[in-house]
Amino acid sequence: MIREPRFAHDWYPGTPDRLRSALQTYVGSALSDQPVFGVIAPHAGYIYSGAVAGATYARIRVPDLAAVCCVNHRGIGPRVALMSSGQWQTPLGLVPIRSDFCRDLLKNTPLVQEDITAHLKEHSLELQLPFLQYRNDRVCLVPICLQHLDYAECEILGEGIARTIRSSGEDVLLVASTDMTHFEPEHVARERDDFAIRKILDLDPRGLYEIVQEKDITMCGTVPTTVVLCACKELGAKHATLVRYSTSADVTGDRSNVVGYAGILLF
């Protein structure tokens, strides 16, 4: 099966030339090959969050396999939905799914269920793929779409992903796809997002999960980010750094009602 680019021409440029040109602008020319365990990157329309995502992907080496944990905004399918075979298409070409890794993940983590439907109308993974392709045109994919999980389930899933990575012996990039606070005045968004970002920088997945609930932070990808934090810690991550934070007001000029975007590396 080929999962076609549902959000091209709307959320991001839909032709190869225009998309490459946009990615070149967002990623820039100061590229790094720094190896990292994980990346936290936004998934809004590129006009809003592309600069943050580009600056983040510019700072890392993208290996040949990326496991992307995205948000299930529409609540379709199981709570942990893995598309385990086929390809994802973007205007830059096809990204194969690594079926062998997916089979091992299904064996290692009973929470994971094989499912395509959760991925068909979801944007939060698709928006990551052109950046991954731009940095490595050989990249393959493990697509994981997540609904609500409690913290214990996030921990179990993160440990299962880490166990699968260790047993594979491969270099795998973990990606958590998330935007930050939604539709608040900018000063409120920045204050609330700072609480969440500090927990991420402390490599504190439980703290992140709890502060989002305590402070009512409308961070859509709390679960993917918590899962990736758990997995990276299990794999040995010791540090995190904030690459860039911005809000939609930097584009629109409207500071009364913004969405926040953060790019963070785990290494």
C-alpha atoms as a PDB file:
ATOM      1  CA  MET A   1       0.000   0.000   0.000  1.00  0.00           C
ATOM      2  CA  ILE A   2       1.105   3.563  -0.695  1.00  0.00           C
ATOM      3  CA  ARG A   3      -0.069   6.200   1.761  1.00  0.00           C
ATOM      4  CA  GLU A   4      -0.425   9.217  -0.506  1.00  0.00           C
ATOM      5  CA  PRO A   5       0.456  12.813   0.526  1.00  0.00           C
ATOM      6  CA  ARG A   6      -2.911  14.040   1.717  1.00  0.00           C
ATOM      7  CA  PHE A   7      -1.715  17.440   2.970  1.00  0.00           C
ATOM      8  CA  ALA A   8       0.607  18.502   0.139  1.00  0.00           C
ATOM      9  CA  HIS A   9      -0.391  21.718  -1.697  1.00  0.00           C
ATOM     10  CA  ASP A  10      -2.192  22.850   1.462  1.00  0.00           C
ATOM     11  CA  TRP A  11      -0.024  22.471   4.567  1.00  0.00           C
ATOM     12  CA  TYR A  12       3.245  22.398   2.615  1.00  0.00           C
ATOM     13  CA  PRO A  13       4.384  22.815  -1.019  1.00  0.00           C
ATOM     14  CA  GLY A  14       3.053  20.077  -3.260  1.00  0.00           C
ATOM     15  CA  THR A  15       5.583  19.976  -6.104  1.00  0.00           C
ATOM     16  CA  PRO A  16       9.163  18.657  -5.809  1.00  0.00           C
ATOM     17  CA  ASP A  17      10.832  21.912  -6.845  1.00  0.00           C
ATOM     18  CA  ARG A  18       8.756  24.145  -4.594  1.00  0.00           C
ATOM     19  CA  LEU A  19       9.107  21.766  -1.666  1.00  0.00           C
ATOM     20  CA  ARG A  20      12.899  21.477  -2.032  1.00  0.00           C
ATOM     21  CA  SER A  21      13.153  25.245  -2.240  1.00  0.00           C
ATOM     22  CA  ALA A  22      11.084  25.670   0.925  1.00  0.00           C
ATOM     23  CA  LEU A  23      13.091  23.028   2.781  1.00  0.00           C
ATOM     24  CA  GLN A  24      16.345  24.667   1.733  1.00  0.00           C
ATOM     25  CA  THR A  25      15.075  27.927   3.214  1.00  0.00           C
ATOM     26  CA  TYR A  26      13.889  26.339   6.459  1.00  0.00           C
ATOM     27  CA  VAL A  27      16.854  24.011   7.001  1.00  0.00           C
ATOM     28  CA  GLY A  28      19.510  26.435   5.756  1.00  0.00           C
ATOM     29  CA  SER A  29      23.095  25.668   4.825  1.00  0.00           C
ATOM     30  CA  ALA A  30      24.710  25.303   8.269  1.00  0.00           C
ATOM     31  CA  LEU A  31      24.155  21.554   8.559  1.00  0.00           C
ATOM     32  CA  SER A  32      25.399  19.216  11.289  1.00  0.00           C
ATOM     33  CA  ASP A  33      25.867  15.436  11.410  1.00  0.00           C
ATOM     34  CA  GLN A  34      25.438  15.245  15.174  1.00  0.00           C
ATOM     35  CA  PRO A  35      24.003  11.860  16.185  1.00  0.00           C
ATOM     36  CA  VAL A  36      21.005  12.098  18.523  1.00  0.00           C
ATOM     37  CA  PHE A  37      18.609   9.628  20.087  1.00  0.00           C
ATOM     38  CA  GLY A  38      15.521  11.699  19.451  1.00  0.00           C
ATOM     39  CA  VAL A  39      13.962  14.839  18.050  1.00  0.00           C
ATOM     40  CA  ILE A  40      10.867  16.742  19.117  1.00  0.00           C
ATOM     41  CA  ALA A  41       9.547  18.765  16.179  1.00  0.00           C
ATOM     42  CA  PRO A  42       6.340  20.639  15.272  1.00  0.00           C
ATOM     43  CA  HIS A  43       3.813  19.621  12.626  1.00  0.00           C
ATOM     44  CA  ALA A  44       1.833  22.749  11.709  1.00  0.00           C
ATOM     45  CA  GLY A  45       1.646  24.141   8.204  1.00  0.00           C
ATOM     46  CA  TYR A  46       5.178  24.946   7.102  1.00  0.00           C
ATOM     47  CA  ILE A  47       4.493  28.675   6.873  1.00  0.00           C
ATOM     48  CA  TYR A  48       3.991  28.619  10.655  1.00  0.00           C
ATOM     49  CA  SER A  49       6.308  25.926  12.027  1.00  0.00           C
ATOM     50  CA  GLY A  50       8.692  25.192   9.157  1.00  0.00           C
ATOM     51  CA  ALA A  51      11.437  27.461  10.497  1.00  0.00           C
ATOM     52  CA  VAL A  52      11.467  25.669  13.858  1.00  0.00           C
ATOM     53  CA  ALA A  53      11.374  22.200  12.284  1.00  0.00           C
ATOM     54  CA  GLY A  54      14.046  23.147   9.747  1.00  0.00           C
ATOM     55  CA  ALA A  55      16.427  24.548  12.374  1.00  0.00           C
ATOM     56  CA  THR A  56      15.966  21.359  14.387  1.00  0.00           C
ATOM     57  CA  TYR A  57      16.578  18.912  11.553  1.00  0.00           C
ATOM     58  CA  ALA A  58      19.583  20.989  10.431  1.00  0.00           C
ATOM     59  CA  ARG A  59      21.313  20.146  13.718  1.00  0.00           C
ATOM     60  CA  ILE A  60      21.278  16.356  13.410  1.00  0.00           C
ATOM     61  CA  ARG A  61      22.321  13.386  11.343  1.00  0.00           C
ATOM     62  CA  VAL A  62      19.269  11.522  10.061  1.00  0.00           C
ATOM     63  CA  PRO A  63      20.112   7.807   9.864  1.00  0.00           C
ATOM     64  CA  ASP A  64      18.533   5.341   7.465  1.00  0.00           C
ATOM     65  CA  LEU A  65      15.660   4.503   9.842  1.00  0.00           C
ATOM     66  CA  ALA A  66      13.317   6.883  11.663  1.00  0.00           C
ATOM     67  CA  ALA A  67      10.553   5.829  14.053  1.00  0.00           C
ATOM     68  CA  VAL A  68       8.010   8.654  14.155  1.00  0.00           C
ATOM     69  CA  CYS A  69       5.516   8.852  17.020  1.00  0.00           C
ATOM     70  CA  CYS A  70       2.710  11.160  15.942  1.00  0.00           C
ATOM     71  CA  VAL A  71      -0.603  12.400  17.334  1.00  0.00           C
ATOM     72  CA  ASN A  72      -3.911  10.803  16.418  1.00  0.00           C
ATOM     73  CA  HIS A  73      -5.926  14.026  16.228  1.00  0.00           C
ATOM     74  CA  ARG A  74      -9.042  12.372  14.828  1.00  0.00           C
ATOM     75  CA  GLY A  75      -9.365   9.368  17.169  1.00  0.00           C
ATOM     76  CA  ILE A  76      -9.557   6.853  14.309  1.00  0.00           C
ATOM     77  CA  GLY A  77      -8.275   3.325  14.894  1.00  0.00           C
ATOM     78  CA  PRO A  78      -6.571   1.784  17.952  1.00  0.00           C
ATOM     79  CA  ARG A  79      -4.761   3.796  20.589  1.00  0.00           C
ATOM     80  CA  VAL A  80      -1.313   2.656  19.364  1.00  0.00           C
ATOM     81  CA  ALA A  81      -1.555   2.203  15.600  1.00  0.00           C
ATOM     82  CA  LEU A  82       1.405   0.887  13.619  1.00  0.00           C
ATOM     83  CA  MET A  83       1.331   0.858   9.833  1.00  0.00           C
ATOM     84  CA  SER A  84       3.691  -2.084   9.357  1.00  0.00           C
ATOM     85  CA  SER A  85       4.088  -2.391   5.591  1.00  0.00           C
ATOM     86  CA  GLY A  86       3.933  -0.354   2.415  1.00  0.00           C
ATOM     87  CA  GLN A  87       5.287   3.095   1.608  1.00  0.00           C
ATOM     88  CA  TRP A  88       4.559   6.749   2.341  1.00  0.00           C
ATOM     89  CA  GLN A  89       4.682   9.141  -0.552  1.00  0.00           C
ATOM     90  CA  THR A  90       5.608  12.829  -0.491  1.00  0.00           C
ATOM     91  CA  PRO A  91       6.396  15.154  -3.400  1.00  0.00           C
ATOM     92  CA  LEU A  92      10.052  14.166  -2.857  1.00  0.00           C
ATOM     93  CA  GLY A  93       9.354  10.470  -3.457  1.00  0.00           C
ATOM     94  CA  LEU A  94       8.543   7.266  -1.612  1.00  0.00           C
ATOM     95  CA  VAL A  95       9.576   6.416   1.946  1.00  0.00           C
ATOM     96  CA  PRO A  96       9.514   2.651   2.555  1.00  0.00           C
ATOM     97  CA  ILE A  97       8.221   1.218   5.823  1.00  0.00           C
ATOM     98  CA  ARG A  98      10.683  -1.134   7.505  1.00  0.00           C
ATOM     99  CA  SER A  99       8.417  -4.140   7.918  1.00  0.00           C
ATOM    100  CA  ASP A 100      11.000  -6.295   9.720  1.00  0.00           C
ATOM    101  CA  PHE A 101      11.446  -3.681  12.458  1.00  0.00           C
ATOM    102  CA  CYS A 102       7.677  -3.266  12.695  1.00  0.00           C
ATOM    103  CA  ARG A 103       7.183  -7.020  13.147  1.00  0.00           C
ATOM    104  CA  ASP A 104       9.684  -7.040  16.004  1.00  0.00           C
ATOM    105  CA  LEU A 105       7.992  -4.036  17.608  1.00  0.00           C
ATOM    106  CA  LEU A 106       4.624  -5.798  17.461  1.00  0.00           C
ATOM    107  CA  LYS A 107       6.188  -8.811  19.222  1.00  0.00           C
ATOM    108  CA  ASN A 108       7.949  -6.734  21.865  1.00  0.00           C
ATOM    109  CA  THR A 109       5.057  -4.450  22.817  1.00  0.00           C
ATOM    110  CA  PRO A 110       1.498  -5.809  23.163  1.00  0.00           C
ATOM    111  CA  LEU A 111       0.124  -2.244  23.274  1.00  0.00           C
ATOM    112  CA  VAL A 112       0.994  -1.831  19.588  1.00  0.00           C
ATOM    113  CA  GLN A 113      -1.633  -2.888  17.060  1.00  0.00           C
ATOM    114  CA  GLU A 114      -1.247  -3.194  13.333  1.00  0.00           C
ATOM    115  CA  ASP A 115      -3.514  -0.597  11.711  1.00  0.00           C
ATOM    116  CA  ILE A 116      -3.623   1.598   8.617  1.00  0.00           C
ATOM    117  CA  THR A 117      -6.812   3.578   9.214  1.00  0.00           C
ATOM    118  CA  ALA A 118      -5.340   5.816  11.929  1.00  0.00           C
ATOM    119  CA  HIS A 119      -2.732   7.088   9.465  1.00  0.00           C
ATOM    120  CA  LEU A 120      -4.883   7.841   6.438  1.00  0.00           C
ATOM    121  CA  LYS A 121      -6.211  11.272   7.486  1.00  0.00           C
ATOM    122  CA  GLU A 122      -3.533  12.263  10.000  1.00  0.00           C
ATOM    123  CA  HIS A 123      -1.165  15.153   9.240  1.00  0.00           C
ATOM    124  CA  SER A 124       1.252  15.033  12.173  1.00  0.00           C
ATOM    125  CA  LEU A 125       3.483  12.330  10.700  1.00  0.00           C
ATOM    126  CA  GLU A 126       3.247  13.399   7.069  1.00  0.00           C
ATOM    127  CA  LEU A 127       4.586  16.874   7.910  1.00  0.00           C
ATOM    128  CA  GLN A 128       7.806  15.338   9.325  1.00  0.00           C
ATOM    129  CA  LEU A 129       8.643  13.225   6.277  1.00  0.00           C
ATOM    130  CA  PRO A 130       9.924  15.883   3.829  1.00  0.00           C
ATOM    131  CA  PHE A 131      12.407  17.110   6.457  1.00  0.00           C
ATOM    132  CA  LEU A 132      13.631  13.557   7.027  1.00  0.00           C
ATOM    133  CA  GLN A 133      13.918  12.965   3.274  1.00  0.00           C
ATOM    134  CA  TYR A 134      15.716  16.264   2.757  1.00  0.00           C
ATOM    135  CA  ARG A 135      18.407  15.259   5.255  1.00  0.00           C
ATOM    136  CA  ASN A 136      18.601  11.615   4.078  1.00  0.00           C
ATOM    137  CA  ASP A 137      16.977  10.487   0.845  1.00  0.00           C
ATOM    138  CA  ARG A 138      17.459   6.834   1.862  1.00  0.00           C
ATOM    139  CA  VAL A 139      15.442   7.127   5.062  1.00  0.00           C
ATOM    140  CA  CYS A 140      12.944   4.380   5.935  1.00  0.00           C
ATOM    141  CA  LEU A 141      10.025   4.702   8.314  1.00  0.00           C
ATOM    142  CA  VAL A 142       8.352   3.149  11.332  1.00  0.00           C
ATOM    143  CA  PRO A 143       5.010   5.047  11.617  1.00  0.00           C
ATOM    144  CA  ILE A 144       3.329   5.006  15.059  1.00  0.00           C
ATOM    145  CA  CYS A 145       0.102   6.963  15.621  1.00  0.00           C
ATOM    146  CA  LEU A 146      -0.945   7.547  19.240  1.00  0.00           C
ATOM    147  CA  GLN A 147      -4.160   8.387  21.038  1.00  0.00           C
ATOM    148  CA  HIS A 148      -4.388   8.978  24.794  1.00  0.00           C
ATOM    149  CA  LEU A 149      -2.302   6.680  27.016  1.00  0.00           C
ATOM    150  CA  ASP A 150      -1.805   6.874  30.744  1.00  0.00           C
ATOM    151  CA  TYR A 151       1.738   7.420  31.971  1.00  0.00           C
ATOM    152  CA  ALA A 152       2.383   3.754  32.756  1.00  0.00           C
ATOM    153  CA  GLU A 153       1.392   2.832  29.195  1.00  0.00           C
ATOM    154  CA  CYS A 154       3.692   5.531  27.781  1.00  0.00           C
ATOM    155  CA  GLU A 155       6.539   4.053  29.790  1.00  0.00           C
ATOM    156  CA  ILE A 156       5.768   0.509  28.633  1.00  0.00           C
ATOM    157  CA  LEU A 157       5.598   1.593  25.005  1.00  0.00           C
ATOM    158  CA  GLY A 158       8.790   3.649  25.234  1.00  0.00           C
ATOM    159  CA  GLU A 159      10.663   0.740  26.793  1.00  0.00           C
ATOM    160  CA  GLY A 160       9.307  -1.604  24.106  1.00  0.00           C
ATOM    161  CA  ILE A 161      10.520   0.718  21.350  1.00  0.00           C
ATOM    162  CA  ALA A 162      13.942   0.985  23.011  1.00  0.00           C
ATOM    163  CA  ARG A 163      14.143  -2.803  23.385  1.00  0.00           C
ATOM    164  CA  THR A 164      13.355  -3.239  19.697  1.00  0.00           C
ATOM    165  CA  ILE A 165      16.019  -0.711  18.725  1.00  0.00           C
ATOM    166  CA  ARG A 166      18.643  -2.393  20.900  1.00  0.00           C
ATOM    167  CA  SER A 167      17.871  -5.854  19.562  1.00  0.00           C
ATOM    168  CA  SER A 168      18.005  -4.581  15.978  1.00  0.00           C
ATOM    169  CA  GLY A 169      21.502  -3.185  16.439  1.00  0.00           C
ATOM    170  CA  GLU A 170      20.549  -0.310  14.120  1.00  0.00           C
ATOM    171  CA  ASP A 171      20.914   3.424  14.333  1.00  0.00           C
ATOM    172  CA  VAL A 172      17.324   4.648  14.685  1.00  0.00           C
ATOM    173  CA  LEU A 173      16.140   8.233  15.040  1.00  0.00           C
ATOM    174  CA  LEU A 174      13.101   8.684  17.279  1.00  0.00           C
ATOM    175  CA  VAL A 175      10.821  11.579  16.351  1.00  0.00           C
ATOM    176  CA  ALA A 176       8.038  12.985  18.532  1.00  0.00           C
ATOM    177  CA  SER A 177       5.669  15.104  16.456  1.00  0.00           C
ATOM    178  CA  THR A 178       3.954  17.801  18.503  1.00  0.00           C
ATOM    179  CA  ASP A 179       2.881  21.408  18.589  1.00  0.00           C
ATOM    180  CA  MET A 180       2.799  23.200  21.918  1.00  0.00           C
ATOM    181  CA  THR A 181       0.069  25.414  23.451  1.00  0.00           C
ATOM    182  CA  HIS A 182      -2.919  26.039  21.162  1.00  0.00           C
ATOM    183  CA  PHE A 183      -5.028  29.195  20.805  1.00  0.00           C
ATOM    184  CA  GLU A 184      -4.013  31.245  23.817  1.00  0.00           C
ATOM    185  CA  PRO A 185      -2.591  34.778  24.066  1.00  0.00           C
ATOM    186  CA  GLU A 186       1.121  34.652  23.346  1.00  0.00           C
ATOM    187  CA  HIS A 187       2.243  35.522  26.863  1.00  0.00           C
ATOM    188  CA  VAL A 188       0.106  32.676  28.227  1.00  0.00           C
ATOM    189  CA  ALA A 189       1.385  30.234  25.600  1.00  0.00           C
ATOM    190  CA  ARG A 190       5.008  31.067  26.294  1.00  0.00           C
ATOM    191  CA  GLU A 191       4.560  30.733  30.043  1.00  0.00           C
ATOM    192  CA  ARG A 192       2.777  27.386  29.813  1.00  0.00           C
ATOM    193  CA  ASP A 193       5.099  26.005  27.174  1.00  0.00           C
ATOM    194  CA  ASP A 194       8.086  26.905  29.324  1.00  0.00           C
ATOM    195  CA  PHE A 195       6.804  24.531  32.019  1.00  0.00           C
ATOM    196  CA  ALA A 196       6.633  21.674  29.504  1.00  0.00           C
ATOM    197  CA  ILE A 197       9.938  22.481  27.807  1.00  0.00           C
ATOM    198  CA  ARG A 198      11.784  22.533  31.121  1.00  0.00           C
ATOM    199  CA  LYS A 199      10.542  19.011  31.904  1.00  0.00           C
ATOM    200  CA  ILE A 200      11.682  17.813  28.480  1.00  0.00           C
ATOM    201  CA  LEU A 201      15.108  19.412  28.931  1.00  0.00           C
ATOM    202  CA  ASP A 202      15.352  17.674  32.308  1.00  0.00           C
ATOM    203  CA  LEU A 203      14.620  14.357  30.535  1.00  0.00           C
ATOM    204  CA  ASP A 204      11.674  13.921  32.895  1.00  0.00           C
ATOM    205  CA  PRO A 205       8.865  12.114  31.040  1.00  0.00           C
ATOM    206  CA  ARG A 206       6.686  11.654  34.110  1.00  0.00           C
ATOM    207  CA  GLY A 207       7.171  15.301  35.017  1.00  0.00           C
ATOM    208  CA  LEU A 208       6.154  16.338  31.504  1.00  0.00           C
ATOM    209  CA  TYR A 209       3.053  14.153  31.556  1.00  0.00           C
ATOM    210  CA  GLU A 210       1.994  15.513  34.958  1.00  0.00           C
ATOM    211  CA  ILE A 211       2.770  19.212  34.337  1.00  0.00           C
ATOM    212  CA  VAL A 212       0.706  19.186  31.141  1.00  0.00           C
ATOM    213  CA  GLN A 213      -2.278  17.993  33.163  1.00  0.00           C
ATOM    214  CA  GLU A 214      -1.581  20.248  36.146  1.00  0.00           C
ATOM    215  CA  LYS A 215      -1.145  23.443  34.114  1.00  0.00           C
ATOM    216  CA  ASP A 216      -3.757  22.557  31.473  1.00  0.00           C
ATOM    217  CA  ILE A 217      -1.188  22.867  28.676  1.00  0.00           C
ATOM    218  CA  THR A 218      -2.818  22.224  25.313  1.00  0.00           C
ATOM    219  CA  MET A 219       0.222  20.419  23.893  1.00  0.00           C
ATOM    220  CA  CYS A 220      -1.298  17.992  21.394  1.00  0.00           C
ATOM    221  CA  GLY A 221       1.651  15.574  21.321  1.00  0.00           C
ATOM    222  CA  THR A 222       2.142  15.020  25.038  1.00  0.00           C
ATOM    223  CA  VAL A 223       1.822  11.255  24.623  1.00  0.00           C
ATOM    224  CA  PRO A 224       4.241  10.936  21.658  1.00  0.00           C
ATOM    225  CA  THR A 225       6.740  13.171  23.449  1.00  0.00           C
ATOM    226  CA  THR A 226       6.445  11.224  26.707  1.00  0.00           C
ATOM    227  CA  VAL A 227       6.903   7.930  24.840  1.00  0.00           C
ATOM    228  CA  VAL A 228       9.973   9.194  22.985  1.00  0.00           C
ATOM    229  CA  LEU A 229      11.463  10.582  26.208  1.00  0.00           C
ATOM    230  CA  CYS A 230      10.979   7.207  27.897  1.00  0.00           C
ATOM    231  CA  ALA A 231      12.574   5.390  24.957  1.00  0.00           C
ATOM    232  CA  CYS A 232      15.529   7.757  24.741  1.00  0.00           C
ATOM    233  CA  LYS A 233      16.212   7.528  28.465  1.00  0.00           C
ATOM    234  CA  GLU A 234      16.116   3.734  28.224  1.00  0.00           C
ATOM    235  CA  LEU A 235      18.641   3.934  25.381  1.00  0.00           C
ATOM    236  CA  GLY A 236      20.959   6.128  27.438  1.00  0.00           C
ATOM    237  CA  ALA A 237      20.086   9.741  26.638  1.00  0.00           C
ATOM    238  CA  LYS A 238      21.728  12.134  29.099  1.00  0.00           C
ATOM    239  CA  HIS A 239      21.126  15.621  27.697  1.00  0.00           C
ATOM    240  CA  ALA A 240      18.565  17.673  25.807  1.00  0.00           C
ATOM    241  CA  THR A 241      18.754  21.064  24.162  1.00  0.00           C
ATOM    242  CA  LEU A 242      16.160  23.516  22.892  1.00  0.00           C
ATOM    243  CA  VAL A 243      17.007  24.497  19.318  1.00  0.00           C
ATOM    244  CA  ARG A 244      14.238  27.038  18.771  1.00  0.00           C
ATOM    245  CA  TYR A 245      10.865  28.118  20.119  1.00  0.00           C
ATOM    246  CA  SER A 246       8.402  30.369  18.333  1.00  0.00           C
ATOM    247  CA  THR A 247       4.691  31.026  18.015  1.00  0.00           C
ATOM    248  CA  SER A 248       2.369  31.598  15.099  1.00  0.00           C
ATOM    249  CA  ALA A 249       2.423  35.314  15.973  1.00  0.00           C
ATOM    250  CA  ASP A 250       5.884  35.507  14.411  1.00  0.00           C
ATOM    251  CA  VAL A 251       4.117  34.933  11.085  1.00  0.00           C
ATOM    252  CA  THR A 252       0.650  36.381  11.585  1.00  0.00           C
ATOM    253  CA  GLY A 253       1.437  39.257  13.929  1.00  0.00           C
ATOM    254  CA  ASP A 254      -1.622  38.311  16.001  1.00  0.00           C
ATOM    255  CA  ARG A 255      -0.422  37.847  19.586  1.00  0.00           C
ATOM    256  CA  SER A 256      -3.925  37.428  21.010  1.00  0.00           C
ATOM    257  CA  ASN A 257      -4.391  33.849  19.780  1.00  0.00           C
ATOM    258  CA  VAL A 258      -1.322  31.754  19.001  1.00  0.00           C
ATOM    259  CA  VAL A 259       0.059  28.241  18.688  1.00  0.00           C
ATOM    260  CA  GLY A 260       3.514  27.451  20.060  1.00  0.00           C
ATOM    261  CA  TYR A 261       6.244  25.423  18.341  1.00  0.00           C
ATOM    262  CA  ALA A 262       9.407  23.924  19.854  1.00  0.00           C
ATOM    263  CA  GLY A 263      12.322  22.000  18.388  1.00  0.00           C
ATOM    264  CA  ILE A 264      14.322  19.928  20.889  1.00  0.00           C
ATOM    265  CA  LEU A 265      17.149  17.387  20.569  1.00  0.00           C
ATOM    266  CA  LEU A 266      17.746  14.417  22.905  1.00  0.00           C
ATOM    267  CA  PHE A 267      21.326  13.111  22.910  1.00  0.00           C
END
